Amino acid sequence: MKEGSGQNYIKSLHKAFGGNFTDTSYRFSNGETTIRVSAYKILDGFELVVFKGSFNDCIVMEREADDDPDLIHFYVVYRGRANQNLKDELHTINAGGENGVFIYNGLFPIVAELPSSPNYNSISLKFSKDLLHKLYPNTSQQIIDILIQEDPITYHTSLPIEMERVVKDILNYETQHPEHIPMVMSRTLEVFSQIIDSLQDLKQNNQLNGLHQDDYRRLLEIKGYLLSKIEDKIVLDEIASEFGISVSKLKRDFKALFQTSIYQYYSHAKMDEAYRRLKSGKHTVTEVGYDLGYTSIPTFSAMFKKIKGINASEVIPTHGSLDDIP
């Protein structure tokens, strides 16, 4: 589907699954999969799209760039999760998580994966630059400087906690009230204004970190670099120098994309590799710990237990061929 209006989603879903559709709604059900999409024009240049579903298999949506930097998309996952494939890297948007709101200016393609879920709910807010001028006549330029850019850019942020109830109201009104449109519209404007206020606060406190297309490419290279050094120790100054960025930008961008620090990511990657080697039954805990750069096996074992939740020795298949320390 081409990124843009809710009608693009509706037409693409109908083409893929069949079902029933109008200009503003889509309905599909075959017993195993149920999909319900509704599109609402809130104001000129402002649209709400509600997506509800229940599906046993993963649904994959390939969204083409809309090439319109003046159109911004807010995606809010209320229940369930979605994976956004950005430059061949999957990033999970979890309901209620630090990255439960995904903001996108539509200037590069995204593959969205909706894992099997008994109850997936999300809303999308799509709005234009002109709308910002109308709703925020005194501060629109500040908001535009954050959101409207010629370069491909995304932001990940959380939904203000007080807005979770309002999003729930939108979802409930949409299905339970026959005269629901005015209530849906008012709640949508409330969510929109709160997210905008939150973005302005984050920007003012230097806590809003947008990622451009080049940032994504560099971060994927950094991720590959970290995985290639899995048996070594890493030094942030050396990584920053290797990729031509400052340490502060390295730390900020990495956290923005992967929702974890470099050291946390690296530690988890080490323990993933340790688990794989131990599970093969070909290595002892001591061998794996030393091979992965630890000089103290108790330290390695403690880190493994902390991250994996079990003792390293418990991972080794119990065929009696390896005796090892716990």
C-alpha atoms as a PDB file:
ATOM      1  CA  MET A   1       0.000   0.000   0.000  1.00  0.00           C
ATOM      2  CA  LYS A   2       1.060   3.578  -0.518  1.00  0.00           C
ATOM      3  CA  GLU A   3       1.457   5.551   2.696  1.00  0.00           C
ATOM      4  CA  GLY A   4      -1.071   8.319   3.061  1.00  0.00           C
ATOM      5  CA  SER A   5      -4.812   8.274   3.684  1.00  0.00           C
ATOM      6  CA  GLY A   6      -6.850   5.629   5.427  1.00  0.00           C
ATOM      7  CA  GLN A   7      -8.522   4.921   2.092  1.00  0.00           C
ATOM      8  CA  ASN A   8      -5.195   3.581   0.818  1.00  0.00           C
ATOM      9  CA  TYR A   9      -5.181   1.076   3.688  1.00  0.00           C
ATOM     10  CA  ILE A  10      -8.786   0.082   3.075  1.00  0.00           C
ATOM     11  CA  LYS A  11      -8.276  -0.560  -0.642  1.00  0.00           C
ATOM     12  CA  SER A  12      -5.079  -2.527  -0.071  1.00  0.00           C
ATOM     13  CA  LEU A  13      -6.619  -4.715   2.630  1.00  0.00           C
ATOM     14  CA  HIS A  14      -9.624  -5.441   0.425  1.00  0.00           C
ATOM     15  CA  LYS A  15      -7.328  -6.384  -2.451  1.00  0.00           C
ATOM     16  CA  ALA A  16      -5.364  -8.757  -0.192  1.00  0.00           C
ATOM     17  CA  PHE A  17      -8.183 -10.350   1.832  1.00  0.00           C
ATOM     18  CA  GLY A  18     -11.506  -9.577   0.201  1.00  0.00           C
ATOM     19  CA  GLY A  19     -14.243  -8.661   2.661  1.00  0.00           C
ATOM     20  CA  ASN A  20     -16.511  -5.618   2.670  1.00  0.00           C
ATOM     21  CA  PHE A  21     -15.457  -1.993   2.318  1.00  0.00           C
ATOM     22  CA  THR A  22     -16.633   1.561   1.806  1.00  0.00           C
ATOM     23  CA  ASP A  23     -14.640   4.768   1.409  1.00  0.00           C
ATOM     24  CA  THR A  24     -14.314   4.973   5.201  1.00  0.00           C
ATOM     25  CA  SER A  25     -14.453   1.407   6.509  1.00  0.00           C
ATOM     26  CA  TYR A  26     -13.226  -2.130   5.976  1.00  0.00           C
ATOM     27  CA  ARG A  27     -14.512  -5.356   7.528  1.00  0.00           C
ATOM     28  CA  PHE A  28     -13.171  -8.878   7.129  1.00  0.00           C
ATOM     29  CA  SER A  29     -13.764 -12.106   9.066  1.00  0.00           C
ATOM     30  CA  ASN A  30     -13.204 -15.744   8.203  1.00  0.00           C
ATOM     31  CA  GLY A  31     -13.305 -17.323  11.653  1.00  0.00           C
ATOM     32  CA  GLU A  32      -9.544 -17.255  12.224  1.00  0.00           C
ATOM     33  CA  THR A  33      -8.854 -13.671  11.200  1.00  0.00           C
ATOM     34  CA  THR A  34     -10.936 -10.579  11.898  1.00  0.00           C
ATOM     35  CA  ILE A  35      -9.961  -7.098  10.714  1.00  0.00           C
ATOM     36  CA  ARG A  36     -11.890  -3.883  11.260  1.00  0.00           C
ATOM     37  CA  VAL A  37     -10.635  -0.530   9.939  1.00  0.00           C
ATOM     38  CA  SER A  38     -12.445   2.807  10.187  1.00  0.00           C
ATOM     39  CA  ALA A  39     -11.304   6.157   8.817  1.00  0.00           C
ATOM     40  CA  TYR A  40     -12.610   9.484  10.117  1.00  0.00           C
ATOM     41  CA  LYS A  41     -12.073  12.982   8.764  1.00  0.00           C
ATOM     42  CA  ILE A  42     -11.589  15.008  11.931  1.00  0.00           C
ATOM     43  CA  LEU A  43     -10.801  18.325  10.219  1.00  0.00           C
ATOM     44  CA  ASP A  44      -9.481  19.428   6.850  1.00  0.00           C
ATOM     45  CA  GLY A  45      -6.001  17.927   6.699  1.00  0.00           C
ATOM     46  CA  PHE A  46      -6.564  15.716   9.748  1.00  0.00           C
ATOM     47  CA  GLU A  47      -7.635  12.061   9.639  1.00  0.00           C
ATOM     48  CA  LEU A  48      -8.015   9.302  12.219  1.00  0.00           C
ATOM     49  CA  VAL A  49      -7.646   5.631  11.264  1.00  0.00           C
ATOM     50  CA  VAL A  50      -8.718   2.946  13.769  1.00  0.00           C
ATOM     51  CA  PHE A  51      -7.392  -0.583  13.273  1.00  0.00           C
ATOM     52  CA  LYS A  52      -8.697  -3.558  15.246  1.00  0.00           C
ATOM     53  CA  GLY A  53      -7.860  -7.150  14.590  1.00  0.00           C
ATOM     54  CA  SER A  54      -7.593 -10.721  15.736  1.00  0.00           C
ATOM     55  CA  PHE A  55      -5.338 -12.990  13.695  1.00  0.00           C
ATOM     56  CA  ASN A  56      -3.577 -16.322  14.091  1.00  0.00           C
ATOM     57  CA  ASP A  57      -0.897 -15.548  11.510  1.00  0.00           C
ATOM     58  CA  CYS A  58       1.409 -12.584  11.102  1.00  0.00           C
ATOM     59  CA  ILE A  59       0.072  -9.848   8.799  1.00  0.00           C
ATOM     60  CA  VAL A  60       2.731  -8.035   6.772  1.00  0.00           C
ATOM     61  CA  MET A  61       2.021  -4.630   5.227  1.00  0.00           C
ATOM     62  CA  GLU A  62       4.512  -3.098   2.826  1.00  0.00           C
ATOM     63  CA  ARG A  63       4.008   0.658   2.908  1.00  0.00           C
ATOM     64  CA  GLU A  64       5.466   2.690   0.064  1.00  0.00           C
ATOM     65  CA  ALA A  65       6.741   6.213   0.684  1.00  0.00           C
ATOM     66  CA  ASP A  66       4.179   8.945   0.007  1.00  0.00           C
ATOM     67  CA  ASP A  67       6.868  11.532  -0.896  1.00  0.00           C
ATOM     68  CA  ASP A  68       4.918  14.232   0.941  1.00  0.00           C
ATOM     69  CA  PRO A  69       7.019  15.813   3.737  1.00  0.00           C
ATOM     70  CA  ASP A  70       4.066  18.005   4.745  1.00  0.00           C
ATOM     71  CA  LEU A  71       2.020  14.980   5.834  1.00  0.00           C
ATOM     72  CA  ILE A  72       2.870  13.464   9.226  1.00  0.00           C
ATOM     73  CA  HIS A  73       1.746  10.121  10.650  1.00  0.00           C
ATOM     74  CA  PHE A  74       1.359   9.244  14.350  1.00  0.00           C
ATOM     75  CA  TYR A  75       0.907   5.530  15.056  1.00  0.00           C
ATOM     76  CA  VAL A  76      -0.269   4.608  18.551  1.00  0.00           C
ATOM     77  CA  VAL A  77      -0.426   0.932  19.559  1.00  0.00           C
ATOM     78  CA  TYR A  78      -2.973   0.547  22.356  1.00  0.00           C
ATOM     79  CA  ARG A  79      -3.130  -3.238  22.630  1.00  0.00           C
ATOM     80  CA  GLY A  80      -0.695  -5.781  21.202  1.00  0.00           C
ATOM     81  CA  ARG A  81       2.454  -4.912  19.316  1.00  0.00           C
ATOM     82  CA  ALA A  82       3.677  -4.072  15.849  1.00  0.00           C
ATOM     83  CA  ASN A  83       7.088  -4.514  14.251  1.00  0.00           C
ATOM     84  CA  GLN A  84       8.284  -1.761  11.936  1.00  0.00           C
ATOM     85  CA  ASN A  85      10.983  -2.864   9.503  1.00  0.00           C
ATOM     86  CA  LEU A  86      13.151   0.194   8.953  1.00  0.00           C
ATOM     87  CA  LYS A  87      16.069  -0.354   6.607  1.00  0.00           C
ATOM     88  CA  ASP A  88      15.993  -4.151   7.162  1.00  0.00           C
ATOM     89  CA  GLU A  89      15.834  -3.785  10.938  1.00  0.00           C
ATOM     90  CA  LEU A  90      12.748  -4.732  12.967  1.00  0.00           C
ATOM     91  CA  HIS A  91      11.709  -2.415  15.797  1.00  0.00           C
ATOM     92  CA  THR A  92       8.869  -3.372  18.081  1.00  0.00           C
ATOM     93  CA  ILE A  93       6.185  -0.879  19.058  1.00  0.00           C
ATOM     94  CA  ASN A  94       4.648  -2.196  22.282  1.00  0.00           C
ATOM     95  CA  ALA A  95       1.399  -1.008  23.777  1.00  0.00           C
ATOM     96  CA  GLY A  96       2.229   1.074  26.832  1.00  0.00           C
ATOM     97  CA  GLY A  97       5.972   0.946  26.145  1.00  0.00           C
ATOM     98  CA  GLU A  98       8.587   3.661  25.834  1.00  0.00           C
ATOM     99  CA  ASN A  99       8.148   3.507  22.063  1.00  0.00           C
ATOM    100  CA  GLY A 100       4.376   3.038  21.934  1.00  0.00           C
ATOM    101  CA  VAL A 101       4.073   6.046  19.611  1.00  0.00           C
ATOM    102  CA  PHE A 102       5.796   5.916  16.232  1.00  0.00           C
ATOM    103  CA  ILE A 103       6.051   9.210  14.304  1.00  0.00           C
ATOM    104  CA  TYR A 104       6.902   9.101  10.618  1.00  0.00           C
ATOM    105  CA  ASN A 105       7.044  11.633   7.795  1.00  0.00           C
ATOM    106  CA  GLY A 106       6.367   9.065   5.072  1.00  0.00           C
ATOM    107  CA  LEU A 107       9.524   9.687   3.048  1.00  0.00           C
ATOM    108  CA  PHE A 108      10.877   6.139   2.942  1.00  0.00           C
ATOM    109  CA  PRO A 109       9.220   2.725   2.712  1.00  0.00           C
ATOM    110  CA  ILE A 110       8.378   0.700   5.817  1.00  0.00           C
ATOM    111  CA  VAL A 111       7.373  -2.922   6.233  1.00  0.00           C
ATOM    112  CA  ALA A 112       4.963  -3.298   9.165  1.00  0.00           C
ATOM    113  CA  GLU A 113       4.509  -6.727  10.732  1.00  0.00           C
ATOM    114  CA  LEU A 114       1.564  -7.428  13.019  1.00  0.00           C
ATOM    115  CA  PRO A 115       2.355 -10.670  14.914  1.00  0.00           C
ATOM    116  CA  SER A 116      -0.473 -13.113  15.608  1.00  0.00           C
ATOM    117  CA  SER A 117      -2.674 -11.600  18.292  1.00  0.00           C
ATOM    118  CA  PRO A 118      -6.106 -12.286  19.792  1.00  0.00           C
ATOM    119  CA  ASN A 119      -6.744  -8.567  20.260  1.00  0.00           C
ATOM    120  CA  TYR A 120      -4.740  -5.922  18.393  1.00  0.00           C
ATOM    121  CA  ASN A 121      -5.826  -2.269  18.630  1.00  0.00           C
ATOM    122  CA  SER A 122      -4.139   0.818  17.220  1.00  0.00           C
ATOM    123  CA  ILE A 123      -4.962   4.292  15.989  1.00  0.00           C
ATOM    124  CA  SER A 124      -3.236   6.444  13.366  1.00  0.00           C
ATOM    125  CA  LEU A 125      -3.375  10.224  13.242  1.00  0.00           C
ATOM    126  CA  LYS A 126      -2.538  11.764   9.868  1.00  0.00           C
ATOM    127  CA  PHE A 127      -2.247  15.504   9.614  1.00  0.00           C
ATOM    128  CA  SER A 128      -0.876  18.206   7.354  1.00  0.00           C
ATOM    129  CA  LYS A 129       1.403  21.190   7.814  1.00  0.00           C
ATOM    130  CA  ASP A 130      -1.549  23.507   7.102  1.00  0.00           C
ATOM    131  CA  LEU A 131      -3.445  21.995  10.017  1.00  0.00           C
ATOM    132  CA  LEU A 132      -0.647  22.953  12.403  1.00  0.00           C
ATOM    133  CA  HIS A 133      -0.890  26.561  11.246  1.00  0.00           C
ATOM    134  CA  LYS A 134      -4.641  26.552  11.931  1.00  0.00           C
ATOM    135  CA  LEU A 135      -4.540  24.850  15.337  1.00  0.00           C
ATOM    136  CA  TYR A 136      -1.339  26.442  16.640  1.00  0.00           C
ATOM    137  CA  PRO A 137      -1.203  29.955  15.118  1.00  0.00           C
ATOM    138  CA  ASN A 138       1.382  31.195  17.645  1.00  0.00           C
ATOM    139  CA  THR A 139       3.644  28.150  18.015  1.00  0.00           C
ATOM    140  CA  SER A 140       3.146  26.269  14.745  1.00  0.00           C
ATOM    141  CA  GLN A 141       6.677  27.007  13.530  1.00  0.00           C
ATOM    142  CA  GLN A 142       8.192  25.342  16.598  1.00  0.00           C
ATOM    143  CA  ILE A 143       6.155  22.213  15.907  1.00  0.00           C
ATOM    144  CA  ILE A 144       6.915  22.322  12.197  1.00  0.00           C
ATOM    145  CA  ASP A 145      10.636  22.532  12.936  1.00  0.00           C
ATOM    146  CA  ILE A 146      10.303  19.247  14.820  1.00  0.00           C
ATOM    147  CA  LEU A 147       8.044  17.326  12.452  1.00  0.00           C
ATOM    148  CA  ILE A 148       8.199  18.804   8.960  1.00  0.00           C
ATOM    149  CA  GLN A 149      11.513  18.086   7.279  1.00  0.00           C
ATOM    150  CA  GLU A 150      12.633  17.364   3.750  1.00  0.00           C
ATOM    151  CA  ASP A 151      14.737  14.418   4.923  1.00  0.00           C
ATOM    152  CA  PRO A 152      13.286  11.012   5.854  1.00  0.00           C
ATOM    153  CA  ILE A 153      12.926  11.005   9.630  1.00  0.00           C
ATOM    154  CA  THR A 154      11.146   9.126  12.409  1.00  0.00           C
ATOM    155  CA  TYR A 155      10.660   9.520  16.137  1.00  0.00           C
ATOM    156  CA  HIS A 156       9.799   6.978  18.794  1.00  0.00           C
ATOM    157  CA  THR A 157       8.191   8.146  22.022  1.00  0.00           C
ATOM    158  CA  SER A 158       5.703   7.036  24.648  1.00  0.00           C
ATOM    159  CA  LEU A 159       2.043   7.897  24.913  1.00  0.00           C
ATOM    160  CA  PRO A 160       1.416  10.323  27.823  1.00  0.00           C
ATOM    161  CA  ILE A 161      -0.024   8.110  30.553  1.00  0.00           C
ATOM    162  CA  GLU A 162      -3.137  10.234  30.935  1.00  0.00           C
ATOM    163  CA  MET A 163      -3.912   9.660  27.250  1.00  0.00           C
ATOM    164  CA  GLU A 164      -4.225   5.873  27.505  1.00  0.00           C
ATOM    165  CA  ARG A 165      -7.740   6.280  28.855  1.00  0.00           C
ATOM    166  CA  VAL A 166      -8.628   8.675  26.036  1.00  0.00           C
ATOM    167  CA  VAL A 167      -7.385   6.250  23.375  1.00  0.00           C
ATOM    168  CA  LYS A 168      -9.452   3.549  25.064  1.00  0.00           C
ATOM    169  CA  ASP A 169     -12.484   5.848  24.821  1.00  0.00           C
ATOM    170  CA  ILE A 170     -11.905   6.277  21.065  1.00  0.00           C
ATOM    171  CA  LEU A 171     -11.781   2.521  20.582  1.00  0.00           C
ATOM    172  CA  ASN A 172     -14.861   1.908  22.733  1.00  0.00           C
ATOM    173  CA  TYR A 173     -16.966   4.702  21.243  1.00  0.00           C
ATOM    174  CA  GLU A 174     -16.082   3.508  17.776  1.00  0.00           C
ATOM    175  CA  THR A 175     -17.849   0.172  18.284  1.00  0.00           C
ATOM    176  CA  GLN A 176     -20.312   0.625  21.153  1.00  0.00           C
ATOM    177  CA  HIS A 177     -22.065   3.960  20.571  1.00  0.00           C
ATOM    178  CA  PRO A 178     -24.436   4.465  17.606  1.00  0.00           C
ATOM    179  CA  GLU A 179     -23.861   8.247  17.630  1.00  0.00           C
ATOM    180  CA  HIS A 180     -20.163   7.958  18.201  1.00  0.00           C
ATOM    181  CA  ILE A 181     -18.615  10.331  15.654  1.00  0.00           C
ATOM    182  CA  PRO A 182     -18.661  13.567  17.745  1.00  0.00           C
ATOM    183  CA  MET A 183     -17.159  11.732  20.727  1.00  0.00           C
ATOM    184  CA  VAL A 184     -14.481  10.091  18.580  1.00  0.00           C
ATOM    185  CA  MET A 185     -13.596  13.462  17.054  1.00  0.00           C
ATOM    186  CA  SER A 186     -13.279  15.254  20.399  1.00  0.00           C
ATOM    187  CA  ARG A 187     -11.149  12.490  21.933  1.00  0.00           C
ATOM    188  CA  THR A 188      -8.923  12.387  18.839  1.00  0.00           C
ATOM    189  CA  LEU A 189      -8.217  16.112  19.113  1.00  0.00           C
ATOM    190  CA  GLU A 190      -7.397  15.592  22.785  1.00  0.00           C
ATOM    191  CA  VAL A 191      -4.875  12.839  22.047  1.00  0.00           C
ATOM    192  CA  PHE A 192      -3.362  14.875  19.239  1.00  0.00           C
ATOM    193  CA  SER A 193      -2.877  17.971  21.391  1.00  0.00           C
ATOM    194  CA  GLN A 194      -1.332  15.980  24.220  1.00  0.00           C
ATOM    195  CA  ILE A 195       1.161  14.265  21.934  1.00  0.00           C
ATOM    196  CA  ILE A 196       2.123  17.611  20.396  1.00  0.00           C
ATOM    197  CA  ASP A 197       2.605  19.114  23.879  1.00  0.00           C
ATOM    198  CA  SER A 198       4.695  16.110  24.888  1.00  0.00           C
ATOM    199  CA  LEU A 199       6.896  16.454  21.808  1.00  0.00           C
ATOM    200  CA  GLN A 200       7.469  20.145  22.503  1.00  0.00           C
ATOM    201  CA  ASP A 201       8.463  19.395  26.103  1.00  0.00           C
ATOM    202  CA  LEU A 202      10.840  16.638  25.004  1.00  0.00           C
ATOM    203  CA  LYS A 203      12.402  18.920  22.402  1.00  0.00           C
ATOM    204  CA  GLN A 204      12.855  21.730  24.916  1.00  0.00           C
ATOM    205  CA  ASN A 205      14.613  19.341  27.309  1.00  0.00           C
ATOM    206  CA  ASN A 206      16.773  17.816  24.538  1.00  0.00           C
ATOM    207  CA  GLN A 207      15.070  14.441  24.993  1.00  0.00           C
ATOM    208  CA  LEU A 208      13.469  14.121  21.556  1.00  0.00           C
ATOM    209  CA  ASN A 209      15.771  12.370  19.145  1.00  0.00           C
ATOM    210  CA  GLY A 210      14.704  11.989  15.548  1.00  0.00           C
ATOM    211  CA  LEU A 211      16.534   9.606  13.261  1.00  0.00           C
ATOM    212  CA  HIS A 212      17.258  10.382   9.633  1.00  0.00           C
ATOM    213  CA  GLN A 213      17.748   7.805   6.930  1.00  0.00           C
ATOM    214  CA  ASP A 214      21.545   8.100   7.204  1.00  0.00           C
ATOM    215  CA  ASP A 215      21.319   7.627  10.969  1.00  0.00           C
ATOM    216  CA  TYR A 216      19.485   4.334  10.467  1.00  0.00           C
ATOM    217  CA  ARG A 217      22.073   3.120   8.000  1.00  0.00           C
ATOM    218  CA  ARG A 218      24.936   4.014  10.320  1.00  0.00           C
ATOM    219  CA  LEU A 219      23.258   2.433  13.345  1.00  0.00           C
ATOM    220  CA  LEU A 220      22.755  -0.848  11.497  1.00  0.00           C
ATOM    221  CA  GLU A 221      26.454  -0.803  10.633  1.00  0.00           C
ATOM    222  CA  ILE A 222      27.258  -0.153  14.299  1.00  0.00           C
ATOM    223  CA  LYS A 223      25.057  -3.065  15.294  1.00  0.00           C
ATOM    224  CA  GLY A 224      26.952  -5.306  12.880  1.00  0.00           C
ATOM    225  CA  TYR A 225      30.230  -4.007  14.295  1.00  0.00           C
ATOM    226  CA  LEU A 226      29.143  -4.873  17.847  1.00  0.00           C
ATOM    227  CA  LEU A 227      28.169  -8.396  16.844  1.00  0.00           C
ATOM    228  CA  SER A 228      31.516  -8.860  15.094  1.00  0.00           C
ATOM    229  CA  LYS A 229      33.256  -7.963  18.380  1.00  0.00           C
ATOM    230  CA  ILE A 230      31.265 -10.378  20.487  1.00  0.00           C
ATOM    231  CA  GLU A 231      34.423 -11.981  21.906  1.00  0.00           C
ATOM    232  CA  ASP A 232      36.102  -8.668  22.689  1.00  0.00           C
ATOM    233  CA  LYS A 233      35.518  -5.656  24.870  1.00  0.00           C
ATOM    234  CA  ILE A 234      34.022  -2.497  23.407  1.00  0.00           C
ATOM    235  CA  VAL A 235      35.011   1.121  24.034  1.00  0.00           C
ATOM    236  CA  LEU A 236      32.508   3.835  23.120  1.00  0.00           C
ATOM    237  CA  ASP A 237      35.214   6.327  22.149  1.00  0.00           C
ATOM    238  CA  GLU A 238      36.634   3.835  19.662  1.00  0.00           C
ATOM    239  CA  ILE A 239      33.219   3.051  18.158  1.00  0.00           C
ATOM    240  CA  ALA A 240      32.365   6.744  17.817  1.00  0.00           C
ATOM    241  CA  SER A 241      35.706   7.412  16.124  1.00  0.00           C
ATOM    242  CA  GLU A 242      35.266   4.430  13.810  1.00  0.00           C
ATOM    243  CA  PHE A 243      31.910   5.744  12.568  1.00  0.00           C
ATOM    244  CA  GLY A 244      32.713   9.449  12.594  1.00  0.00           C
ATOM    245  CA  ILE A 245      30.221  10.656  15.203  1.00  0.00           C
ATOM    246  CA  SER A 246      30.420  11.992  18.744  1.00  0.00           C
ATOM    247  CA  VAL A 247      29.978   9.708  21.732  1.00  0.00           C
ATOM    248  CA  SER A 248      26.899  11.664  22.828  1.00  0.00           C
ATOM    249  CA  LYS A 249      25.221  11.245  19.415  1.00  0.00           C
ATOM    250  CA  LEU A 250      26.188   7.565  19.351  1.00  0.00           C
ATOM    251  CA  LYS A 251      24.564   6.945  22.724  1.00  0.00           C
ATOM    252  CA  ARG A 252      21.500   9.076  21.945  1.00  0.00           C
ATOM    253  CA  ASP A 253      20.797   7.598  18.507  1.00  0.00           C
ATOM    254  CA  PHE A 254      21.391   4.010  19.606  1.00  0.00           C
ATOM    255  CA  LYS A 255      18.946   4.395  22.497  1.00  0.00           C
ATOM    256  CA  ALA A 256      16.378   6.066  20.229  1.00  0.00           C
ATOM    257  CA  LEU A 257      16.411   3.191  17.740  1.00  0.00           C
ATOM    258  CA  PHE A 258      16.976   0.110  19.883  1.00  0.00           C
ATOM    259  CA  GLN A 259      15.413   1.340  23.174  1.00  0.00           C
ATOM    260  CA  THR A 260      18.502   0.224  25.088  1.00  0.00           C
ATOM    261  CA  SER A 261      22.026   1.421  25.730  1.00  0.00           C
ATOM    262  CA  ILE A 262      24.963   0.128  23.695  1.00  0.00           C
ATOM    263  CA  TYR A 263      26.390  -1.715  26.698  1.00  0.00           C
ATOM    264  CA  GLN A 264      23.040  -3.329  27.514  1.00  0.00           C
ATOM    265  CA  TYR A 265      22.587  -4.388  23.899  1.00  0.00           C
ATOM    266  CA  TYR A 266      26.129  -5.742  23.772  1.00  0.00           C
ATOM    267  CA  SER A 267      25.719  -7.659  27.048  1.00  0.00           C
ATOM    268  CA  HIS A 268      22.501  -9.257  25.834  1.00  0.00           C
ATOM    269  CA  ALA A 269      24.143 -10.171  22.514  1.00  0.00           C
ATOM    270  CA  LYS A 270      26.996 -11.821  24.406  1.00  0.00           C
ATOM    271  CA  MET A 271      24.580 -13.841  26.518  1.00  0.00           C
ATOM    272  CA  ASP A 272      22.613 -14.850  23.421  1.00  0.00           C
ATOM    273  CA  GLU A 273      25.828 -16.184  21.919  1.00  0.00           C
ATOM    274  CA  ALA A 274      26.757 -17.850  25.207  1.00  0.00           C
ATOM    275  CA  TYR A 275      23.368 -19.583  25.288  1.00  0.00           C
ATOM    276  CA  ARG A 276      23.808 -20.807  21.720  1.00  0.00           C
ATOM    277  CA  ARG A 277      27.245 -22.259  22.453  1.00  0.00           C
ATOM    278  CA  LEU A 278      26.192 -23.884  25.720  1.00  0.00           C
ATOM    279  CA  LYS A 279      23.049 -25.351  24.162  1.00  0.00           C
ATOM    280  CA  SER A 280      25.177 -27.079  21.517  1.00  0.00           C
ATOM    281  CA  GLY A 281      26.713 -29.238  24.245  1.00  0.00           C
ATOM    282  CA  LYS A 282      30.196 -28.734  22.785  1.00  0.00           C
ATOM    283  CA  HIS A 283      31.497 -26.245  25.343  1.00  0.00           C
ATOM    284  CA  THR A 284      31.761 -25.892  29.102  1.00  0.00           C
ATOM    285  CA  VAL A 285      30.719 -22.810  31.018  1.00  0.00           C
ATOM    286  CA  THR A 286      34.385 -22.021  31.625  1.00  0.00           C
ATOM    287  CA  GLU A 287      35.258 -22.274  27.944  1.00  0.00           C
ATOM    288  CA  VAL A 288      32.375 -20.079  26.864  1.00  0.00           C
ATOM    289  CA  GLY A 289      33.077 -17.457  29.527  1.00  0.00           C
ATOM    290  CA  TYR A 290      36.734 -17.120  28.598  1.00  0.00           C
ATOM    291  CA  ASP A 291      36.002 -17.252  24.841  1.00  0.00           C
ATOM    292  CA  LEU A 292      33.580 -14.329  25.227  1.00  0.00           C
ATOM    293  CA  GLY A 293      36.183 -12.175  26.902  1.00  0.00           C
ATOM    294  CA  TYR A 294      35.416 -12.664  30.580  1.00  0.00           C
ATOM    295  CA  THR A 295      38.406 -12.965  32.903  1.00  0.00           C
ATOM    296  CA  SER A 296      36.220 -14.092  35.808  1.00  0.00           C
ATOM    297  CA  ILE A 297      33.906 -17.067  35.332  1.00  0.00           C
ATOM    298  CA  PRO A 298      31.786 -16.177  38.412  1.00  0.00           C
ATOM    299  CA  THR A 299      31.221 -12.742  36.846  1.00  0.00           C
ATOM    300  CA  PHE A 300      30.211 -14.377  33.556  1.00  0.00           C
ATOM    301  CA  SER A 301      27.880 -16.806  35.339  1.00  0.00           C
ATOM    302  CA  ALA A 302      26.260 -14.008  37.324  1.00  0.00           C
ATOM    303  CA  MET A 303      25.674 -11.956  34.167  1.00  0.00           C
ATOM    304  CA  PHE A 304      24.205 -14.984  32.372  1.00  0.00           C
ATOM    305  CA  LYS A 305      21.822 -15.659  35.260  1.00  0.00           C
ATOM    306  CA  LYS A 306      20.814 -12.001  35.413  1.00  0.00           C
ATOM    307  CA  ILE A 307      19.971 -11.787  31.692  1.00  0.00           C
ATOM    308  CA  LYS A 308      18.734 -15.311  30.929  1.00  0.00           C
ATOM    309  CA  GLY A 309      17.130 -16.119  34.275  1.00  0.00           C
ATOM    310  CA  ILE A 310      18.806 -19.519  34.628  1.00  0.00           C
ATOM    311  CA  ASN A 311      22.261 -20.797  35.532  1.00  0.00           C
ATOM    312  CA  ALA A 312      24.632 -21.194  32.608  1.00  0.00           C
ATOM    313  CA  SER A 313      25.283 -24.825  33.548  1.00  0.00           C
ATOM    314  CA  GLU A 314      21.570 -25.619  33.261  1.00  0.00           C
ATOM    315  CA  VAL A 315      21.630 -24.845  29.536  1.00  0.00           C
ATOM    316  CA  ILE A 316      24.097 -27.613  28.697  1.00  0.00           C
ATOM    317  CA  PRO A 317      22.266 -30.768  27.507  1.00  0.00           C
ATOM    318  CA  THR A 318      22.265 -33.395  30.271  1.00  0.00           C
ATOM    319  CA  HIS A 319      23.982 -36.195  28.368  1.00  0.00           C
ATOM    320  CA  GLY A 320      26.689 -36.624  30.982  1.00  0.00           C
ATOM    321  CA  SER A 321      29.597 -35.651  28.783  1.00  0.00           C
ATOM    322  CA  LEU A 322      30.362 -32.302  30.420  1.00  0.00           C
ATOM    323  CA  ASP A 323      31.095 -31.625  34.049  1.00  0.00           C
ATOM    324  CA  ASP A 324      31.205 -27.981  34.840  1.00  0.00           C
ATOM    325  CA  ILE A 325      30.958 -25.439  37.587  1.00  0.00           C
ATOM    326  CA  PRO A 326      27.547 -23.834  38.169  1.00  0.00           C
END
